[in-house]
Amino acid sequence: MRLALAQHRAHPVGGALDEVLSLLERLRAAALEDGRHGSLVEIALMSALAHDIAGRQQPALTAVAEALTAAPEPEGFIRLFLDEGAPAKALLRAVDPATTAGHQARRVLTSGAPSRARPADSWPRAARSADPLSAREQQVLRLLDSELSGPEIARVLFISPNTLRSHTKHVFTKLGASSRREAVARARERGLLSQPDG
């Protein structure tokens, strides 16, 4: 998908972006049906970039706002946005700052995690993972390994979304992860989660 967008940016081909957007819409429908919220973030961001290349500013801003608000744990998606470079940053700067998406966009832009300047090895790893997870963080981790969205997890635990984000950030730090999927994978590697049946 990124390759197609980059090629079109360099050498525009009539109708190619419409095909990309059509494919993205099919992927979005499948991700919604499967409850893959992390995928929805990336799909919405790719849609925003495709609309931007086509010169469709309003659909691009609508899609990037959807990407920002779809992120279950925004801190885990910072690199996804920033690694798309200048076009994504321009869209983030253009999001209405008075909205929730605008607030998230400011957080991404001021995160201090510049695109490609921070190697993967610099994310917290084993040195910090010695800190054991608290009982609440273990509960959060088990629910991150489910199909529940962030707001649904908060409701199950009877906590606010902000409190959930705080717990999730601590889990990510202790596991040396930068996304929900990576946190679950690292937890499995360390035997913190039981292997799925079958």
N, C-alpha and C. Protein backbone atom coordinates (compact mmCIF):
# COMPACT_ATOMS: atom_id res chain seq x y z
N MET A 1 0.83 -1.19 0.00
CA MET A 1 0.00 0.00 0.00
C MET A 1 0.87 1.26 0.00
N ARG A 2 1.86 1.28 0.89
CA ARG A 2 2.76 2.43 0.95
C ARG A 2 3.52 2.59 -0.36
N LEU A 3 3.93 1.46 -0.94
CA LEU A 3 4.65 1.51 -2.20
C LEU A 3 3.78 2.11 -3.29
N ALA A 4 2.51 1.69 -3.34
CA ALA A 4 1.59 2.22 -4.35
C ALA A 4 1.43 3.73 -4.19
N LEU A 5 1.31 4.19 -2.94
CA LEU A 5 1.14 5.62 -2.70
C LEU A 5 2.41 6.38 -3.09
N ALA A 6 3.57 5.83 -2.73
CA ALA A 6 4.84 6.49 -3.07
C ALA A 6 5.03 6.56 -4.58
N GLN A 7 4.69 5.47 -5.28
CA GLN A 7 4.82 5.46 -6.73
C GLN A 7 3.89 6.48 -7.37
N HIS A 8 2.66 6.56 -6.84
CA HIS A 8 1.72 7.52 -7.40
C HIS A 8 2.16 8.95 -7.12
N ARG A 9 2.75 9.17 -5.96
CA ARG A 9 3.24 10.52 -5.63
C ARG A 9 4.33 10.94 -6.63
N ALA A 10 5.18 9.97 -7.01
CA ALA A 10 6.27 10.26 -7.94
C ALA A 10 5.79 10.31 -9.39
N HIS A 11 4.89 9.38 -9.75
CA HIS A 11 4.40 9.28 -11.13
C HIS A 11 2.90 9.02 -11.12
N PRO A 12 2.08 10.08 -11.05
CA PRO A 12 0.63 9.90 -10.96
C PRO A 12 0.06 9.10 -12.13
N VAL A 13 -0.83 8.17 -11.79
CA VAL A 13 -1.51 7.34 -12.78
C VAL A 13 -3.00 7.47 -12.56
N GLY A 14 -3.73 7.83 -13.58
CA GLY A 14 -5.17 8.04 -13.45
C GLY A 14 -5.89 6.82 -12.93
N GLY A 15 -6.74 7.01 -11.92
CA GLY A 15 -7.55 5.93 -11.38
C GLY A 15 -6.85 5.06 -10.34
N ALA A 16 -5.52 5.18 -10.24
CA ALA A 16 -4.79 4.32 -9.31
C ALA A 16 -5.17 4.59 -7.86
N LEU A 17 -5.32 5.86 -7.51
CA LEU A 17 -5.67 6.19 -6.12
C LEU A 17 -7.06 5.70 -5.76
N ASP A 18 -7.98 5.76 -6.72
CA ASP A 18 -9.33 5.26 -6.45
C ASP A 18 -9.29 3.76 -6.17
N GLU A 19 -8.43 3.03 -6.87
CA GLU A 19 -8.28 1.59 -6.61
C GLU A 19 -7.70 1.36 -5.21
N VAL A 20 -6.71 2.17 -4.83
CA VAL A 20 -6.12 2.05 -3.49
C VAL A 20 -7.17 2.31 -2.43
N LEU A 21 -7.95 3.38 -2.63
CA LEU A 21 -8.98 3.73 -1.64
C LEU A 21 -10.07 2.66 -1.55
N SER A 22 -10.39 2.06 -2.69
CA SER A 22 -11.39 0.99 -2.70
C SER A 22 -10.88 -0.22 -1.92
N LEU A 23 -9.60 -0.55 -2.11
CA LEU A 23 -9.00 -1.66 -1.37
C LEU A 23 -8.96 -1.34 0.13
N LEU A 24 -8.58 -0.12 0.46
CA LEU A 24 -8.53 0.28 1.87
C LEU A 24 -9.90 0.19 2.52
N GLU A 25 -10.95 0.53 1.77
CA GLU A 25 -12.30 0.45 2.33
C GLU A 25 -12.69 -0.99 2.60
N ARG A 26 -12.28 -1.91 1.72
CA ARG A 26 -12.54 -3.33 1.95
C ARG A 26 -11.77 -3.83 3.17
N LEU A 27 -10.51 -3.39 3.30
CA LEU A 27 -9.70 -3.77 4.46
C LEU A 27 -10.31 -3.21 5.75
N ARG A 28 -10.83 -2.00 5.66
CA ARG A 28 -11.45 -1.37 6.83
C ARG A 28 -12.67 -2.16 7.28
N ALA A 29 -13.49 -2.58 6.32
CA ALA A 29 -14.69 -3.35 6.66
C ALA A 29 -14.31 -4.67 7.33
N ALA A 30 -13.27 -5.32 6.81
CA ALA A 30 -12.82 -6.60 7.39
C ALA A 30 -12.26 -6.39 8.79
N ALA A 31 -11.49 -5.31 8.99
CA ALA A 31 -10.92 -5.03 10.30
C ALA A 31 -12.00 -4.72 11.32
N LEU A 32 -13.02 -3.98 10.89
CA LEU A 32 -14.15 -3.68 11.77
C LEU A 32 -14.86 -4.96 12.19
N GLU A 33 -15.09 -5.83 11.21
CA GLU A 33 -15.79 -7.08 11.48
C GLU A 33 -15.00 -7.96 12.45
N ASP A 34 -13.66 -7.94 12.31
CA ASP A 34 -12.81 -8.78 13.16
C ASP A 34 -12.41 -8.10 14.46
N GLY A 35 -12.77 -6.83 14.62
CA GLY A 35 -12.41 -6.10 15.84
C GLY A 35 -10.93 -5.79 15.93
N ARG A 36 -10.26 -5.64 14.79
CA ARG A 36 -8.82 -5.35 14.79
C ARG A 36 -8.62 -3.83 14.80
N HIS A 37 -8.65 -3.26 15.99
CA HIS A 37 -8.62 -1.80 16.12
C HIS A 37 -7.28 -1.21 15.72
N GLY A 38 -6.21 -1.91 15.98
CA GLY A 38 -4.90 -1.42 15.56
C GLY A 38 -4.81 -1.30 14.05
N SER A 39 -5.39 -2.26 13.33
CA SER A 39 -5.40 -2.21 11.87
C SER A 39 -6.22 -1.03 11.37
N LEU A 40 -7.31 -0.70 12.08
CA LEU A 40 -8.15 0.42 11.67
C LEU A 40 -7.37 1.73 11.69
N VAL A 41 -6.46 1.87 12.64
CA VAL A 41 -5.65 3.08 12.72
C VAL A 41 -4.80 3.22 11.46
N GLU A 42 -4.10 2.15 11.11
CA GLU A 42 -3.21 2.19 9.95
C GLU A 42 -3.99 2.37 8.65
N ILE A 43 -5.13 1.70 8.54
CA ILE A 43 -5.94 1.82 7.32
C ILE A 43 -6.45 3.25 7.16
N ALA A 44 -6.92 3.85 8.26
CA ALA A 44 -7.40 5.24 8.19
C ALA A 44 -6.27 6.19 7.81
N LEU A 45 -5.08 5.94 8.35
CA LEU A 45 -3.94 6.80 8.01
C LEU A 45 -3.57 6.67 6.53
N MET A 46 -3.57 5.44 6.01
CA MET A 46 -3.27 5.24 4.59
C MET A 46 -4.33 5.92 3.71
N SER A 47 -5.60 5.86 4.16
CA SER A 47 -6.67 6.54 3.41
C SER A 47 -6.44 8.04 3.40
N ALA A 48 -6.03 8.58 4.56
CA ALA A 48 -5.75 10.02 4.65
C ALA A 48 -4.66 10.41 3.67
N LEU A 49 -3.59 9.62 3.62
CA LEU A 49 -2.48 9.94 2.73
C LEU A 49 -2.90 9.83 1.26
N ALA A 50 -3.73 8.84 0.95
CA ALA A 50 -4.21 8.68 -0.44
C ALA A 50 -5.06 9.88 -0.84
N HIS A 51 -5.98 10.30 0.02
CA HIS A 51 -6.80 11.48 -0.28
C HIS A 51 -5.92 12.72 -0.42
N ASP A 52 -4.90 12.82 0.43
CA ASP A 52 -4.01 13.98 0.38
C ASP A 52 -3.28 14.03 -0.96
N ILE A 53 -2.79 12.90 -1.42
CA ILE A 53 -2.09 12.84 -2.71
C ILE A 53 -3.03 13.28 -3.83
N ALA A 54 -4.31 12.90 -3.69
CA ALA A 54 -5.30 13.24 -4.72
C ALA A 54 -5.76 14.70 -4.62
N GLY A 55 -5.27 15.42 -3.59
CA GLY A 55 -5.66 16.81 -3.43
C GLY A 55 -7.01 16.99 -2.78
N ARG A 56 -7.50 15.95 -2.12
CA ARG A 56 -8.80 16.01 -1.44
C ARG A 56 -8.56 16.30 0.04
N GLN A 57 -8.44 17.58 0.39
CA GLN A 57 -8.04 17.96 1.73
C GLN A 57 -9.03 17.54 2.81
N GLN A 58 -10.32 17.79 2.57
CA GLN A 58 -11.28 17.48 3.63
C GLN A 58 -11.39 15.98 3.92
N PRO A 59 -11.52 15.13 2.89
CA PRO A 59 -11.51 13.69 3.18
C PRO A 59 -10.21 13.23 3.84
N ALA A 60 -9.08 13.86 3.47
CA ALA A 60 -7.81 13.50 4.09
C ALA A 60 -7.82 13.83 5.58
N LEU A 61 -8.34 15.02 5.93
CA LEU A 61 -8.40 15.42 7.34
C LEU A 61 -9.39 14.57 8.12
N THR A 62 -10.50 14.21 7.48
CA THR A 62 -11.48 13.34 8.15
C THR A 62 -10.86 11.99 8.44
N ALA A 63 -10.11 11.45 7.48
CA ALA A 63 -9.49 10.13 7.66
C ALA A 63 -8.38 10.17 8.71
N VAL A 64 -7.56 11.23 8.73
CA VAL A 64 -6.49 11.28 9.73
C VAL A 64 -7.08 11.48 11.12
N ALA A 65 -8.19 12.21 11.21
CA ALA A 65 -8.87 12.36 12.51
C ALA A 65 -9.41 11.01 12.96
N GLU A 66 -9.93 10.22 12.03
CA GLU A 66 -10.42 8.88 12.36
C GLU A 66 -9.27 8.00 12.85
N ALA A 67 -8.11 8.12 12.20
CA ALA A 67 -6.94 7.34 12.62
C ALA A 67 -6.53 7.71 14.04
N LEU A 68 -6.54 9.00 14.33
CA LEU A 68 -6.11 9.47 15.65
C LEU A 68 -7.06 9.01 16.75
N THR A 69 -8.35 9.05 16.47
CA THR A 69 -9.32 8.69 17.51
C THR A 69 -9.55 7.19 17.59
N ALA A 70 -9.12 6.45 16.55
CA ALA A 70 -9.30 4.99 16.57
C ALA A 70 -8.19 4.30 17.36
N ALA A 71 -7.09 5.02 17.63
CA ALA A 71 -5.97 4.40 18.33
C ALA A 71 -6.36 4.03 19.75
N PRO A 72 -6.37 2.73 20.10
CA PRO A 72 -6.74 2.33 21.45
C PRO A 72 -5.80 2.90 22.50
N GLU A 73 -4.51 2.95 22.19
CA GLU A 73 -3.51 3.53 23.08
C GLU A 73 -2.66 4.45 22.21
N PRO A 74 -3.01 5.73 22.14
CA PRO A 74 -2.34 6.64 21.21
C PRO A 74 -0.82 6.62 21.30
N GLU A 75 -0.28 6.48 22.52
CA GLU A 75 1.17 6.48 22.67
C GLU A 75 1.83 5.35 21.89
N GLY A 76 1.10 4.26 21.70
CA GLY A 76 1.66 3.12 20.99
C GLY A 76 1.68 3.28 19.48
N PHE A 77 1.05 4.36 18.98
CA PHE A 77 0.94 4.53 17.54
C PHE A 77 1.73 5.74 17.04
N ILE A 78 2.50 6.37 17.91
CA ILE A 78 3.22 7.59 17.52
C ILE A 78 4.12 7.33 16.32
N ARG A 79 4.89 6.25 16.39
CA ARG A 79 5.82 5.98 15.29
C ARG A 79 5.09 5.68 13.99
N LEU A 80 3.91 5.06 14.08
CA LEU A 80 3.14 4.78 12.87
C LEU A 80 2.86 6.07 12.11
N PHE A 81 2.45 7.13 12.85
CA PHE A 81 2.17 8.41 12.21
C PHE A 81 3.45 9.09 11.74
N LEU A 82 4.44 9.18 12.61
CA LEU A 82 5.64 9.94 12.28
C LEU A 82 6.49 9.29 11.20
N ASP A 83 6.44 7.96 11.11
CA ASP A 83 7.24 7.28 10.09
C ASP A 83 6.73 7.53 8.68
N GLU A 84 5.55 8.10 8.56
CA GLU A 84 5.04 8.44 7.22
C GLU A 84 5.61 9.76 6.72
N GLY A 85 6.40 10.43 7.55
CA GLY A 85 7.13 11.61 7.10
C GLY A 85 6.32 12.88 6.97
N ALA A 86 6.83 13.77 6.11
CA ALA A 86 6.28 15.12 5.98
C ALA A 86 4.79 15.15 5.61
N PRO A 87 4.31 14.30 4.69
CA PRO A 87 2.88 14.38 4.35
C PRO A 87 1.98 14.12 5.56
N ALA A 88 2.34 13.13 6.38
CA ALA A 88 1.52 12.83 7.56
C ALA A 88 1.62 13.96 8.58
N LYS A 89 2.82 14.51 8.76
CA LYS A 89 2.99 15.60 9.70
C LYS A 89 2.17 16.82 9.29
N ALA A 90 2.13 17.09 7.98
CA ALA A 90 1.35 18.22 7.50
C ALA A 90 -0.14 18.01 7.80
N LEU A 91 -0.61 16.79 7.61
CA LEU A 91 -2.01 16.49 7.92
C LEU A 91 -2.27 16.64 9.42
N LEU A 92 -1.36 16.14 10.25
CA LEU A 92 -1.52 16.25 11.70
C LEU A 92 -1.60 17.71 12.12
N ARG A 93 -0.77 18.57 11.50
CA ARG A 93 -0.79 19.99 11.86
C ARG A 93 -2.08 20.66 11.42
N ALA A 94 -2.74 20.09 10.39
CA ALA A 94 -3.95 20.71 9.85
C ALA A 94 -5.23 20.29 10.57
N VAL A 95 -5.14 19.29 11.46
CA VAL A 95 -6.33 18.83 12.19
C VAL A 95 -6.78 19.93 13.15
N ASP A 96 -8.08 20.16 13.21
CA ASP A 96 -8.65 21.19 14.09
C ASP A 96 -8.18 20.98 15.53
N PRO A 97 -7.42 21.92 16.10
CA PRO A 97 -6.87 21.72 17.44
C PRO A 97 -7.92 21.70 18.54
N ALA A 98 -9.14 22.16 18.22
CA ALA A 98 -10.20 22.19 19.24
C ALA A 98 -10.87 20.83 19.42
N THR A 99 -10.54 19.87 18.56
CA THR A 99 -11.18 18.55 18.62
C THR A 99 -10.31 17.55 19.38
N THR A 100 -10.92 16.41 19.73
CA THR A 100 -10.15 15.34 20.36
C THR A 100 -9.02 14.89 19.45
N ALA A 101 -9.32 14.76 18.16
CA ALA A 101 -8.29 14.35 17.19
C ALA A 101 -7.17 15.39 17.14
N GLY A 102 -7.52 16.67 17.23
CA GLY A 102 -6.51 17.73 17.22
C GLY A 102 -5.60 17.63 18.42
N HIS A 103 -6.19 17.31 19.58
CA HIS A 103 -5.39 17.14 20.79
C HIS A 103 -4.41 15.97 20.62
N GLN A 104 -4.93 14.87 20.06
CA GLN A 104 -4.07 13.70 19.81
C GLN A 104 -2.96 14.05 18.82
N ALA A 105 -3.32 14.83 17.79
CA ALA A 105 -2.32 15.22 16.78
C ALA A 105 -1.19 16.01 17.41
N ARG A 106 -1.53 16.94 18.32
CA ARG A 106 -0.48 17.72 19.00
C ARG A 106 0.43 16.81 19.82
N ARG A 107 -0.20 15.81 20.47
CA ARG A 107 0.60 14.87 21.29
C ARG A 107 1.57 14.10 20.41
N VAL A 108 1.10 13.68 19.24
CA VAL A 108 1.98 12.94 18.33
C VAL A 108 3.12 13.83 17.86
N LEU A 109 2.79 15.07 17.45
CA LEU A 109 3.79 15.97 16.90
C LEU A 109 4.82 16.42 17.93
N THR A 110 4.41 16.46 19.20
CA THR A 110 5.33 16.93 20.24
C THR A 110 5.85 15.78 21.10
N SER A 111 5.73 14.58 20.58
CA SER A 111 6.05 13.39 21.38
C SER A 111 7.53 13.22 21.66
N GLY A 112 8.36 13.86 20.86
CA GLY A 112 9.80 13.66 21.06
C GLY A 112 10.29 12.35 20.48
N ALA A 113 9.46 11.71 19.62
CA ALA A 113 9.87 10.47 18.96
C ALA A 113 9.92 10.72 17.47
N PRO A 114 10.94 11.45 16.99
CA PRO A 114 10.99 11.81 15.59
C PRO A 114 11.09 10.61 14.67
N SER A 115 10.55 10.77 13.48
CA SER A 115 10.52 9.68 12.51
C SER A 115 11.91 9.16 12.18
N ARG A 116 12.06 7.86 12.31
CA ARG A 116 13.28 7.14 11.95
C ARG A 116 14.53 7.60 12.70
N ALA A 117 14.41 8.63 13.53
CA ALA A 117 15.59 9.10 14.26
C ALA A 117 15.79 8.30 15.53
N ARG A 118 14.76 7.56 15.93
CA ARG A 118 14.85 6.79 17.17
C ARG A 118 14.82 5.31 16.82
N PRO A 119 15.98 4.66 16.83
CA PRO A 119 16.00 3.24 16.45
C PRO A 119 15.19 2.39 17.40
N ALA A 120 14.72 1.27 16.88
CA ALA A 120 13.88 0.38 17.69
C ALA A 120 14.59 -0.04 18.97
N ASP A 121 15.93 -0.17 18.89
CA ASP A 121 16.67 -0.61 20.07
C ASP A 121 16.63 0.39 21.21
N SER A 122 16.23 1.65 20.92
CA SER A 122 16.24 2.64 21.98
C SER A 122 14.95 2.62 22.79
N TRP A 123 13.95 1.84 22.37
CA TRP A 123 12.74 1.72 23.18
C TRP A 123 13.07 0.90 24.41
N PRO A 124 12.37 1.12 25.52
CA PRO A 124 12.70 0.40 26.76
C PRO A 124 12.71 -1.11 26.54
N ARG A 125 13.75 -1.75 27.00
CA ARG A 125 13.86 -3.19 26.81
C ARG A 125 14.10 -3.87 28.15
N ALA A 126 15.01 -4.81 28.16
CA ALA A 126 15.18 -5.68 29.32
C ALA A 126 15.52 -4.93 30.60
N ALA A 127 16.28 -3.84 30.50
CA ALA A 127 16.70 -3.15 31.71
C ALA A 127 15.51 -2.72 32.55
N ARG A 128 14.44 -2.27 31.86
CA ARG A 128 13.28 -1.80 32.59
C ARG A 128 12.25 -2.88 32.81
N SER A 129 12.39 -3.97 32.09
CA SER A 129 11.37 -5.02 32.19
C SER A 129 11.48 -5.80 33.48
N ALA A 130 12.54 -5.51 34.29
CA ALA A 130 12.68 -6.21 35.56
C ALA A 130 11.57 -5.80 36.53
N ASP A 131 10.97 -4.62 36.30
CA ASP A 131 9.87 -4.18 37.15
C ASP A 131 8.68 -5.12 36.93
N PRO A 132 8.19 -5.75 37.98
CA PRO A 132 7.04 -6.64 37.79
C PRO A 132 5.77 -5.83 37.55
N LEU A 133 4.85 -6.43 36.83
CA LEU A 133 3.56 -5.79 36.59
C LEU A 133 2.74 -5.84 37.87
N SER A 134 2.04 -4.76 38.16
CA SER A 134 1.13 -4.76 39.31
C SER A 134 -0.07 -5.64 38.98
N ALA A 135 -0.87 -5.92 39.99
CA ALA A 135 -2.06 -6.75 39.77
C ALA A 135 -2.98 -6.11 38.74
N ARG A 136 -3.16 -4.79 38.83
CA ARG A 136 -4.02 -4.10 37.88
C ARG A 136 -3.43 -4.14 36.48
N GLU A 137 -2.11 -3.97 36.38
CA GLU A 137 -1.47 -4.01 35.07
C GLU A 137 -1.58 -5.39 34.45
N GLN A 138 -1.54 -6.44 35.28
CA GLN A 138 -1.74 -7.79 34.77
C GLN A 138 -3.16 -7.95 34.22
N GLN A 139 -4.14 -7.36 34.91
CA GLN A 139 -5.52 -7.41 34.41
C GLN A 139 -5.61 -6.70 33.06
N VAL A 140 -4.99 -5.52 32.98
CA VAL A 140 -5.00 -4.76 31.73
C VAL A 140 -4.35 -5.57 30.62
N LEU A 141 -3.21 -6.18 30.92
CA LEU A 141 -2.48 -6.97 29.93
C LEU A 141 -3.36 -8.11 29.40
N ARG A 142 -4.03 -8.83 30.32
CA ARG A 142 -4.90 -9.94 29.87
C ARG A 142 -6.00 -9.43 28.95
N LEU A 143 -6.54 -8.25 29.23
CA LEU A 143 -7.60 -7.70 28.39
C LEU A 143 -7.07 -7.13 27.08
N LEU A 144 -5.82 -6.69 27.09
CA LEU A 144 -5.21 -6.26 25.83
C LEU A 144 -5.07 -7.44 24.88
N ASP A 145 -5.01 -8.64 25.44
CA ASP A 145 -4.91 -9.86 24.65
C ASP A 145 -6.30 -10.37 24.28
N SER A 146 -7.26 -9.49 24.25
CA SER A 146 -8.63 -9.87 23.87
C SER A 146 -9.05 -9.04 22.66
N GLU A 147 -10.27 -9.22 22.24
CA GLU A 147 -10.81 -8.46 21.11
C GLU A 147 -11.43 -7.15 21.55
N LEU A 148 -11.38 -6.86 22.86
CA LEU A 148 -12.03 -5.65 23.37
C LEU A 148 -11.27 -4.39 22.94
N SER A 149 -12.01 -3.33 22.67
CA SER A 149 -11.40 -2.04 22.37
C SER A 149 -10.97 -1.38 23.68
N GLY A 150 -10.20 -0.30 23.57
CA GLY A 150 -9.78 0.42 24.76
C GLY A 150 -10.94 0.85 25.64
N PRO A 151 -11.96 1.53 25.08
CA PRO A 151 -13.10 1.93 25.90
C PRO A 151 -13.83 0.75 26.54
N GLU A 152 -13.90 -0.37 25.82
CA GLU A 152 -14.55 -1.56 26.38
C GLU A 152 -13.75 -2.12 27.55
N ILE A 153 -12.42 -2.11 27.44
CA ILE A 153 -11.58 -2.57 28.54
C ILE A 153 -11.79 -1.68 29.76
N ALA A 154 -11.84 -0.37 29.54
CA ALA A 154 -12.06 0.56 30.65
C ALA A 154 -13.38 0.26 31.35
N ARG A 155 -14.41 -0.05 30.56
CA ARG A 155 -15.72 -0.35 31.17
C ARG A 155 -15.67 -1.65 31.97
N VAL A 156 -14.98 -2.65 31.43
CA VAL A 156 -14.88 -3.94 32.13
C VAL A 156 -14.19 -3.75 33.48
N LEU A 157 -13.17 -2.89 33.51
CA LEU A 157 -12.39 -2.68 34.73
C LEU A 157 -12.97 -1.58 35.62
N PHE A 158 -14.04 -0.94 35.15
CA PHE A 158 -14.67 0.15 35.90
C PHE A 158 -13.68 1.28 36.18
N ILE A 159 -12.91 1.64 35.15
CA ILE A 159 -11.98 2.75 35.27
C ILE A 159 -12.19 3.69 34.09
N SER A 160 -11.66 4.89 34.18
CA SER A 160 -11.80 5.86 33.10
C SER A 160 -10.83 5.52 31.96
N PRO A 161 -11.12 5.98 30.75
CA PRO A 161 -10.18 5.78 29.64
C PRO A 161 -8.80 6.35 29.94
N ASN A 162 -8.74 7.49 30.65
CA ASN A 162 -7.45 8.09 30.98
C ASN A 162 -6.66 7.18 31.92
N THR A 163 -7.35 6.59 32.91
CA THR A 163 -6.68 5.67 33.82
C THR A 163 -6.19 4.44 33.07
N LEU A 164 -7.02 3.95 32.13
CA LEU A 164 -6.59 2.81 31.32
C LEU A 164 -5.34 3.15 30.52
N ARG A 165 -5.31 4.35 29.92
CA ARG A 165 -4.14 4.75 29.15
C ARG A 165 -2.89 4.78 30.03
N SER A 166 -3.04 5.23 31.26
CA SER A 166 -1.91 5.28 32.18
C SER A 166 -1.41 3.87 32.49
N HIS A 167 -2.34 2.95 32.80
CA HIS A 167 -1.94 1.56 33.07
C HIS A 167 -1.28 0.94 31.83
N THR A 168 -1.88 1.21 30.67
CA THR A 168 -1.36 0.63 29.42
C THR A 168 0.05 1.14 29.15
N LYS A 169 0.27 2.43 29.40
CA LYS A 169 1.61 3.00 29.19
C LYS A 169 2.63 2.32 30.10
N HIS A 170 2.24 2.05 31.36
CA HIS A 170 3.14 1.37 32.29
C HIS A 170 3.44 -0.06 31.81
N VAL A 171 2.40 -0.73 31.30
CA VAL A 171 2.59 -2.09 30.78
C VAL A 171 3.57 -2.06 29.61
N PHE A 172 3.36 -1.11 28.69
CA PHE A 172 4.25 -1.00 27.53
C PHE A 172 5.68 -0.77 27.98
N THR A 173 5.87 0.15 28.92
CA THR A 173 7.22 0.47 29.40
C THR A 173 7.89 -0.75 30.03
N LYS A 174 7.15 -1.44 30.88
CA LYS A 174 7.73 -2.59 31.58
C LYS A 174 8.04 -3.75 30.64
N LEU A 175 7.27 -3.84 29.56
CA LEU A 175 7.51 -4.93 28.60
C LEU A 175 8.42 -4.49 27.45
N GLY A 176 8.77 -3.21 27.42
CA GLY A 176 9.60 -2.72 26.32
C GLY A 176 8.88 -2.76 25.00
N ALA A 177 7.58 -2.44 25.02
CA ALA A 177 6.75 -2.49 23.82
C ALA A 177 6.29 -1.10 23.43
N SER A 178 5.92 -0.94 22.17
CA SER A 178 5.42 0.35 21.71
C SER A 178 4.03 0.24 21.10
N SER A 179 3.41 -0.93 21.18
CA SER A 179 2.06 -1.10 20.66
C SER A 179 1.38 -2.24 21.42
N ARG A 180 0.08 -2.31 21.29
CA ARG A 180 -0.70 -3.35 21.95
C ARG A 180 -0.24 -4.73 21.48
N ARG A 181 -0.10 -4.89 20.19
CA ARG A 181 0.30 -6.19 19.64
C ARG A 181 1.68 -6.62 20.14
N GLU A 182 2.61 -5.65 20.17
CA GLU A 182 3.96 -5.96 20.63
C GLU A 182 3.96 -6.32 22.12
N ALA A 183 3.14 -5.61 22.90
CA ALA A 183 3.07 -5.89 24.34
C ALA A 183 2.58 -7.32 24.57
N VAL A 184 1.55 -7.71 23.85
CA VAL A 184 1.01 -9.07 24.00
C VAL A 184 2.05 -10.10 23.58
N ALA A 185 2.75 -9.83 22.47
CA ALA A 185 3.77 -10.78 22.00
C ALA A 185 4.89 -10.93 23.02
N ARG A 186 5.34 -9.82 23.58
CA ARG A 186 6.42 -9.87 24.57
C ARG A 186 5.96 -10.57 25.84
N ALA A 187 4.70 -10.33 26.22
CA ALA A 187 4.16 -10.99 27.41
C ALA A 187 4.12 -12.50 27.20
N ARG A 188 3.76 -12.94 26.01
CA ARG A 188 3.74 -14.38 25.71
C ARG A 188 5.15 -14.96 25.77
N GLU A 189 6.11 -14.21 25.20
CA GLU A 189 7.50 -14.68 25.22
C GLU A 189 7.98 -14.89 26.65
N ARG A 190 7.51 -14.07 27.56
CA ARG A 190 7.97 -14.12 28.95
C ARG A 190 7.06 -14.97 29.85
N GLY A 191 6.08 -15.63 29.22
CA GLY A 191 5.21 -16.51 29.98
C GLY A 191 4.23 -15.79 30.88
N LEU A 192 3.96 -14.51 30.56
CA LEU A 192 3.02 -13.74 31.38
C LEU A 192 1.58 -13.97 30.95
N LEU A 193 1.40 -14.57 29.78
CA LEU A 193 0.07 -14.89 29.28
C LEU A 193 0.06 -16.36 28.88
N SER A 194 -1.04 -17.02 29.13
CA SER A 194 -1.14 -18.42 28.70
C SER A 194 -1.27 -18.46 27.21
N GLN A 195 -0.74 -19.49 26.60
CA GLN A 195 -0.85 -19.66 25.15
C GLN A 195 -2.30 -19.93 24.77
N PRO A 196 -2.76 -19.43 23.59
CA PRO A 196 -4.14 -19.69 23.20
C PRO A 196 -4.38 -21.18 23.01
N ASP A 197 -5.60 -21.60 23.29
CA ASP A 197 -5.94 -23.01 23.12
C ASP A 197 -5.86 -23.41 21.67
N GLY A 198 -5.55 -24.69 21.45
CA GLY A 198 -5.53 -25.22 20.10
C GLY A 198 -4.18 -25.09 19.50
